[in-house]
């Protein structure tokens, strides 16, 4: 799988961040893109960075968001919606 530039370390180790989601790369790629479209600077890291990157779309990855944006991110993606079809 080509590296889309989203798998990297935290920009600032001292930054306050929260683990937002853990799941397969297939889902984390989409989630990071959607969070970025809402102005939330999310990024992802492989759950096991020592494991070889063999292109497995089911490989576990973590999505991180800045602490200040975590509540808004949860509201956007995990809140129950009354307007769903």
N, C-alpha and C. Protein backbone atom coordinates (compact mmCIF):
# COMPACT_ATOMS: atom_id res chain seq x y z
N UNK A 1 0.85 -1.18 0.00
CA UNK A 1 0.00 0.00 0.00
C UNK A 1 0.89 1.23 0.00
N UNK A 2 0.62 2.20 -0.87
CA UNK A 2 1.43 3.40 -0.88
C UNK A 2 1.20 4.22 0.38
N UNK A 3 2.27 4.83 0.86
CA UNK A 3 2.16 5.69 2.04
C UNK A 3 1.59 7.02 1.60
N UNK A 4 0.45 7.37 2.12
CA UNK A 4 -0.22 8.62 1.74
C UNK A 4 0.26 9.79 2.57
N UNK A 5 1.28 9.60 3.39
CA UNK A 5 1.82 10.70 4.18
C UNK A 5 1.09 10.94 5.48
N UNK A 6 0.17 10.08 5.84
CA UNK A 6 -0.60 10.29 7.05
C UNK A 6 -0.06 9.49 8.22
N UNK A 7 0.81 8.55 7.96
CA UNK A 7 1.39 7.76 9.04
C UNK A 7 2.69 8.41 9.47
N UNK A 8 2.65 9.04 10.61
CA UNK A 8 3.84 9.69 11.12
C UNK A 8 3.71 9.88 12.62
N UNK A 9 4.77 10.30 13.22
CA UNK A 9 4.78 10.55 14.65
C UNK A 9 4.07 11.86 14.96
N UNK A 10 3.70 12.01 16.20
CA UNK A 10 3.10 13.26 16.64
C UNK A 10 3.99 14.43 16.27
N UNK A 11 3.40 15.52 15.81
CA UNK A 11 4.23 16.67 15.43
C UNK A 11 5.05 17.20 16.60
N UNK A 12 4.51 17.14 17.80
CA UNK A 12 5.19 17.67 18.97
C UNK A 12 4.95 16.70 20.11
N UNK A 13 5.98 16.05 20.57
CA UNK A 13 5.82 15.04 21.62
C UNK A 13 5.17 15.61 22.88
N UNK A 14 5.33 16.90 23.13
CA UNK A 14 4.76 17.52 24.32
C UNK A 14 3.31 17.93 24.12
N UNK A 15 2.83 17.87 22.89
CA UNK A 15 1.46 18.29 22.60
C UNK A 15 0.47 17.37 23.31
N UNK A 16 -0.62 17.94 23.77
CA UNK A 16 -1.67 17.15 24.41
C UNK A 16 -2.54 16.55 23.32
N UNK A 17 -2.55 15.24 23.26
CA UNK A 17 -3.31 14.54 22.23
C UNK A 17 -4.13 13.43 22.88
N UNK A 18 -5.14 12.99 22.16
CA UNK A 18 -5.98 11.89 22.63
C UNK A 18 -6.06 10.83 21.54
N UNK A 19 -6.05 9.59 21.97
CA UNK A 19 -6.31 8.50 21.05
C UNK A 19 -7.79 8.54 20.72
N UNK A 20 -8.11 8.72 19.46
CA UNK A 20 -9.49 8.90 19.03
C UNK A 20 -10.11 7.59 18.54
N UNK A 21 -9.32 6.78 17.85
CA UNK A 21 -9.86 5.57 17.24
C UNK A 21 -8.73 4.60 16.96
N UNK A 22 -9.00 3.32 17.11
CA UNK A 22 -8.08 2.27 16.71
C UNK A 22 -8.85 1.31 15.82
N UNK A 23 -8.29 1.01 14.68
CA UNK A 23 -8.97 0.10 13.76
C UNK A 23 -8.08 -0.19 12.57
N UNK A 24 -8.62 -0.89 11.58
CA UNK A 24 -7.84 -1.24 10.39
C UNK A 24 -7.49 0.01 9.57
N UNK A 25 -6.35 -0.05 8.90
CA UNK A 25 -5.88 1.07 8.09
C UNK A 25 -6.95 1.54 7.12
N UNK A 26 -7.70 0.62 6.58
CA UNK A 26 -8.77 0.98 5.64
C UNK A 26 -9.71 2.02 6.24
N UNK A 27 -10.06 1.86 7.51
CA UNK A 27 -10.97 2.79 8.18
C UNK A 27 -10.24 4.05 8.68
N UNK A 28 -9.02 3.88 9.17
CA UNK A 28 -8.32 5.04 9.73
C UNK A 28 -7.96 6.06 8.65
N UNK A 29 -7.62 5.60 7.45
CA UNK A 29 -7.33 6.52 6.34
C UNK A 29 -8.54 7.41 6.06
N UNK A 30 -9.70 6.80 5.98
CA UNK A 30 -10.93 7.55 5.71
C UNK A 30 -11.27 8.49 6.85
N UNK A 31 -11.12 8.03 8.07
CA UNK A 31 -11.44 8.86 9.23
C UNK A 31 -10.54 10.09 9.30
N UNK A 32 -9.25 9.91 9.07
CA UNK A 32 -8.33 11.05 9.10
C UNK A 32 -8.71 12.06 8.02
N UNK A 33 -9.04 11.59 6.84
CA UNK A 33 -9.46 12.48 5.76
C UNK A 33 -10.71 13.26 6.14
N UNK A 34 -11.68 12.58 6.72
CA UNK A 34 -12.94 13.25 7.11
C UNK A 34 -12.70 14.25 8.23
N UNK A 35 -11.87 13.91 9.20
CA UNK A 35 -11.55 14.85 10.29
C UNK A 35 -10.87 16.09 9.73
N UNK A 36 -9.92 15.89 8.80
CA UNK A 36 -9.23 17.03 8.20
C UNK A 36 -10.19 17.94 7.44
N UNK A 37 -11.18 17.37 6.79
CA UNK A 37 -12.17 18.17 6.07
C UNK A 37 -13.00 19.03 7.02
N UNK A 38 -13.06 18.63 8.28
CA UNK A 38 -13.77 19.41 9.31
C UNK A 38 -12.81 20.30 10.10
N UNK A 39 -11.59 20.44 9.62
CA UNK A 39 -10.63 21.34 10.25
C UNK A 39 -9.94 20.79 11.48
N UNK A 40 -9.99 19.48 11.66
CA UNK A 40 -9.33 18.84 12.81
C UNK A 40 -8.05 18.18 12.31
N UNK A 41 -6.92 18.59 12.87
CA UNK A 41 -5.61 18.10 12.44
C UNK A 41 -5.33 16.73 13.03
N UNK A 42 -5.92 15.70 12.44
CA UNK A 42 -5.75 14.32 12.91
C UNK A 42 -4.58 13.67 12.18
N UNK A 43 -4.01 12.65 12.80
CA UNK A 43 -2.97 11.86 12.15
C UNK A 43 -3.06 10.45 12.67
N UNK A 44 -2.38 9.55 11.99
CA UNK A 44 -2.43 8.16 12.40
C UNK A 44 -1.03 7.57 12.47
N UNK A 45 -0.94 6.54 13.28
CA UNK A 45 0.29 5.77 13.44
C UNK A 45 -0.11 4.31 13.45
N UNK A 46 0.77 3.46 12.94
CA UNK A 46 0.51 2.04 13.05
C UNK A 46 0.49 1.66 14.52
N UNK A 47 -0.43 0.80 14.92
CA UNK A 47 -0.52 0.37 16.31
C UNK A 47 0.76 -0.34 16.74
N UNK A 48 1.37 -1.08 15.83
CA UNK A 48 2.65 -1.74 16.09
C UNK A 48 3.64 -1.25 15.05
N UNK A 49 4.37 -0.18 15.35
CA UNK A 49 5.28 0.38 14.35
C UNK A 49 6.42 -0.56 13.96
N UNK A 50 6.68 -1.58 14.75
CA UNK A 50 7.76 -2.52 14.44
C UNK A 50 7.34 -3.57 13.40
N UNK A 51 6.04 -3.74 13.21
CA UNK A 51 5.56 -4.73 12.25
C UNK A 51 5.86 -4.25 10.83
N UNK A 52 6.16 -5.17 9.92
CA UNK A 52 6.47 -4.77 8.55
C UNK A 52 5.25 -4.19 7.84
N UNK A 53 5.49 -3.18 7.02
CA UNK A 53 4.41 -2.58 6.23
C UNK A 53 4.29 -3.39 4.94
N UNK A 54 3.40 -4.37 4.96
CA UNK A 54 3.24 -5.26 3.81
C UNK A 54 2.01 -4.93 2.98
N UNK A 55 1.41 -3.77 3.20
CA UNK A 55 0.24 -3.36 2.42
C UNK A 55 -1.07 -3.92 2.93
N UNK A 56 -1.06 -4.55 4.08
CA UNK A 56 -2.27 -5.15 4.65
C UNK A 56 -3.23 -4.05 5.11
N UNK A 57 -4.39 -3.95 4.48
CA UNK A 57 -5.38 -2.93 4.83
C UNK A 57 -6.08 -3.21 6.15
N UNK A 58 -5.87 -4.41 6.71
CA UNK A 58 -6.45 -4.73 8.01
C UNK A 58 -5.46 -4.50 9.15
N UNK A 59 -4.27 -4.02 8.82
CA UNK A 59 -3.27 -3.76 9.86
C UNK A 59 -3.79 -2.69 10.81
N UNK A 60 -3.73 -2.93 12.12
CA UNK A 60 -4.27 -1.96 13.09
C UNK A 60 -3.48 -0.64 13.09
N UNK A 61 -4.22 0.45 13.18
CA UNK A 61 -3.63 1.78 13.26
C UNK A 61 -4.41 2.61 14.27
N UNK A 62 -3.75 3.61 14.83
CA UNK A 62 -4.36 4.52 15.79
C UNK A 62 -4.56 5.89 15.14
N UNK A 63 -5.68 6.50 15.41
CA UNK A 63 -5.93 7.88 14.97
C UNK A 63 -5.86 8.77 16.19
N UNK A 64 -5.04 9.81 16.10
CA UNK A 64 -4.83 10.76 17.19
C UNK A 64 -5.39 12.11 16.80
N UNK A 65 -5.96 12.82 17.77
CA UNK A 65 -6.44 14.19 17.56
C UNK A 65 -5.92 15.07 18.69
N UNK A 66 -5.76 16.36 18.42
CA UNK A 66 -5.37 17.26 19.50
C UNK A 66 -6.43 17.24 20.61
N UNK A 67 -5.99 17.34 21.83
CA UNK A 67 -6.89 17.31 22.98
C UNK A 67 -8.00 18.34 22.84
N UNK A 68 -7.66 19.51 22.34
CA UNK A 68 -8.64 20.60 22.21
C UNK A 68 -9.75 20.27 21.21
N UNK A 69 -9.51 19.36 20.27
CA UNK A 69 -10.49 19.02 19.23
C UNK A 69 -11.20 17.71 19.48
N UNK A 70 -10.84 16.99 20.54
CA UNK A 70 -11.37 15.65 20.76
C UNK A 70 -12.88 15.63 20.95
N UNK A 71 -13.42 16.54 21.74
CA UNK A 71 -14.88 16.56 21.97
C UNK A 71 -15.63 16.84 20.67
N UNK A 72 -15.13 17.77 19.88
CA UNK A 72 -15.78 18.09 18.60
C UNK A 72 -15.71 16.91 17.64
N UNK A 73 -14.58 16.22 17.61
CA UNK A 73 -14.43 15.05 16.74
C UNK A 73 -15.41 13.96 17.15
N UNK A 74 -15.54 13.72 18.44
CA UNK A 74 -16.50 12.71 18.92
C UNK A 74 -17.93 13.08 18.54
N UNK A 75 -18.25 14.35 18.68
CA UNK A 75 -19.60 14.82 18.31
C UNK A 75 -19.86 14.60 16.82
N UNK A 76 -18.88 14.89 16.00
CA UNK A 76 -19.04 14.73 14.56
C UNK A 76 -19.24 13.28 14.14
N UNK A 77 -18.51 12.35 14.76
CA UNK A 77 -18.48 11.00 14.24
C UNK A 77 -19.13 9.93 15.10
N UNK A 78 -19.38 10.23 16.37
CA UNK A 78 -19.93 9.18 17.21
C UNK A 78 -21.26 9.57 17.89
N UNK A 79 -21.72 10.80 17.71
CA UNK A 79 -22.98 11.23 18.33
C UNK A 79 -24.16 10.62 17.59
N UNK A 80 -25.19 10.30 18.33
CA UNK A 80 -26.40 9.81 17.69
C UNK A 80 -27.06 10.97 16.95
N UNK A 81 -27.55 10.67 15.79
CA UNK A 81 -28.16 11.69 14.94
C UNK A 81 -29.64 11.37 14.76
N UNK A 82 -30.44 12.39 14.89
CA UNK A 82 -31.86 12.24 14.66
C UNK A 82 -32.23 12.48 13.20
N UNK A 83 -31.27 13.02 12.43
CA UNK A 83 -31.56 13.36 11.04
C UNK A 83 -31.07 12.32 10.05
N UNK A 84 -30.63 11.15 10.53
CA UNK A 84 -30.18 10.11 9.63
C UNK A 84 -31.36 9.46 8.93
N UNK A 85 -31.11 8.94 7.74
CA UNK A 85 -32.17 8.23 7.01
C UNK A 85 -32.34 6.84 7.54
